[in-house]
Protein backbone atom coordinates (compact mmCIF):
# COMPACT_ATOMS: atom_id res chain seq x y z
CA MET A 1 -0.14 0.18 0.20
CA SER A 2 3.17 2.65 1.18
CA TYR A 3 4.55 1.75 -2.47
CA ARG A 4 1.26 2.59 -4.22
CA ILE A 5 1.39 6.13 -2.50
CA PHE A 6 4.19 6.44 -3.21
CA LEU A 7 3.76 6.90 -6.73
CA LEU A 8 0.88 8.32 -6.64
CA TYR A 9 3.54 11.54 -5.39
CA LEU A 10 6.29 10.85 -7.55
CA GLN A 11 2.69 10.84 -10.20
CA LEU A 12 1.33 14.17 -8.88
CA ASN A 13 5.10 15.81 -8.23
CA MET A 14 4.03 15.70 -4.89
CA ASN A 15 7.12 16.51 -1.87
CA SER A 16 5.04 16.79 1.52
CA ALA A 17 2.18 16.06 2.87
CA PRO A 18 -1.01 17.50 3.77
CA THR A 19 -0.80 19.09 0.71
CA PHE A 20 -4.23 20.49 -2.24
CA LEU A 21 -4.18 19.97 -4.90
CA HIS A 22 -6.41 22.22 -7.93
CA PHE A 23 -7.60 19.83 -11.39
CA PRO A 24 -8.35 22.47 -13.58
CA SER A 25 -11.97 22.12 -15.49
CA LYS A 26 -9.18 22.64 -19.31
CA GLY A 27 -6.19 21.59 -19.54
CA LYS A 28 -3.81 19.29 -17.11
CA PRO A 29 -2.66 20.40 -13.82
CA ARG A 30 0.39 23.04 -14.03
CA ARG A 31 3.39 23.56 -11.02
CA SER A 32 0.78 26.79 -9.09
CA ASP A 33 -2.12 24.26 -9.01
CA THR A 34 -0.41 22.09 -6.00
CA TYR A 35 0.12 23.53 -2.50
CA GLU A 36 1.82 21.78 -0.08
CA LEU A 37 1.49 23.34 3.17
CA GLN A 38 5.31 22.90 4.42
CA VAL A 39 6.39 24.42 2.17
CA LYS A 40 4.18 27.31 1.44
CA GLY A 41 3.69 27.88 5.34
CA PHE A 42 0.54 27.07 7.12
CA SER A 43 -1.61 31.12 7.37
CA ALA A 44 -5.08 30.12 6.40
CA GLU A 45 -4.97 33.69 4.67
CA GLN A 46 -2.40 32.87 2.14
CA LEU A 47 -4.56 29.17 1.55
CA ALA A 48 -7.55 31.24 1.01
CA ARG A 49 -5.67 33.32 -1.38
CA TRP A 50 -4.45 30.91 -2.97
CA VAL A 51 -7.79 28.87 -3.03
CA ALA A 52 -9.27 32.64 -4.79
CA ASP A 53 -6.65 32.35 -7.74
CA ARG A 54 -7.02 29.39 -9.00
CA THR A 55 -11.08 28.78 -8.16
CA ASP A 56 -12.66 32.75 -8.07
CA VAL A 57 -14.03 31.27 -4.70
CA GLN A 58 -13.44 34.40 -2.71
CA ILE A 59 -12.79 32.45 1.07
CA ARG A 60 -13.69 35.54 4.11
CA VAL A 61 -11.25 33.98 6.90
CA ILE A 62 -12.27 35.79 10.47
CA ARG A 63 -10.33 35.17 12.88
CA PRO A 64 -12.28 35.35 16.85
CA PRO A 65 -11.63 37.85 19.28
CA ASN A 66 -8.89 37.88 21.66
CA TYR A 67 -10.83 38.56 25.33
CA ALA A 68 -8.01 37.37 27.70
CA GLY A 69 -6.34 41.46 28.47
CA PRO A 70 -9.93 42.67 29.78
CA LEU A 71 -10.89 39.08 32.07
CA LEU A 72 -7.62 39.51 33.46
CA LEU A 73 -8.07 43.39 33.62
CA GLY A 74 -11.40 42.22 35.18
CA PHE A 75 -10.44 39.79 38.05
CA LEU A 76 -7.52 42.06 38.81
CA LEU A 77 -9.83 44.80 39.45
CA ALA A 78 -11.96 42.88 41.86
CA VAL A 79 -9.36 41.11 43.45
CA ILE A 80 -8.37 45.35 44.55
CA GLY A 81 -11.95 46.34 44.52
CA GLY A 82 -12.31 42.94 47.38
CA LEU A 83 -9.19 43.72 49.27
CA ALA A 84 -10.54 47.31 49.95
CA TYR A 85 -13.92 45.83 50.98
CA LEU A 86 -11.93 43.32 53.64
CA ARG A 87 -10.32 46.12 54.85
CA ARG A 88 -12.25 48.96 54.39
CA ASN A 89 -11.82 50.38 58.00
CA ASN A 90 -8.29 49.84 57.96
CA LEU A 91 -6.15 50.72 54.74
CA GLU A 92 -3.06 51.21 56.10
CA PHE A 93 -2.22 48.32 54.18
CA LEU A 94 -1.82 51.19 51.95
CA PHE A 95 0.59 52.36 52.76
CA ASN A 96 2.95 49.61 53.79
CA LYS A 97 6.68 49.28 51.93
CA ASN A 98 5.85 45.21 51.46
CA VAL A 99 2.60 44.95 49.73
CA TRP A 100 3.88 47.60 47.10
CA ALA A 101 6.99 45.13 46.51
CA PHE A 102 5.27 42.11 46.67
CA SER A 103 3.08 43.55 43.95
CA ALA A 104 5.85 44.98 41.81
CA LEU A 105 6.58 41.50 41.82
CA GLY A 106 3.34 39.87 40.61
CA CYS A 107 3.58 42.78 37.17
């Protein structure tokens, strides 16, 4: 079975897997009708551009938003608010050098 796959790779001039192949409706496939991920890259935008060049089908790549920053800021504000609530009668910890040193090391 692996010998057949090897022969197929030789016939199609492929060097690596996975590989995208475009078979045009007229004529034989050219060298540019082969997109090898390991050679040309794994970028979704680049692959979408390759498909659009060959088939006139436009693929829109949509990246999901990154919520790590706002979530971390909300968590930090919740911790600061919780500390201020627990120590509302005694806020001397705000003037303590050790607290500020520890918070500076944490950032």
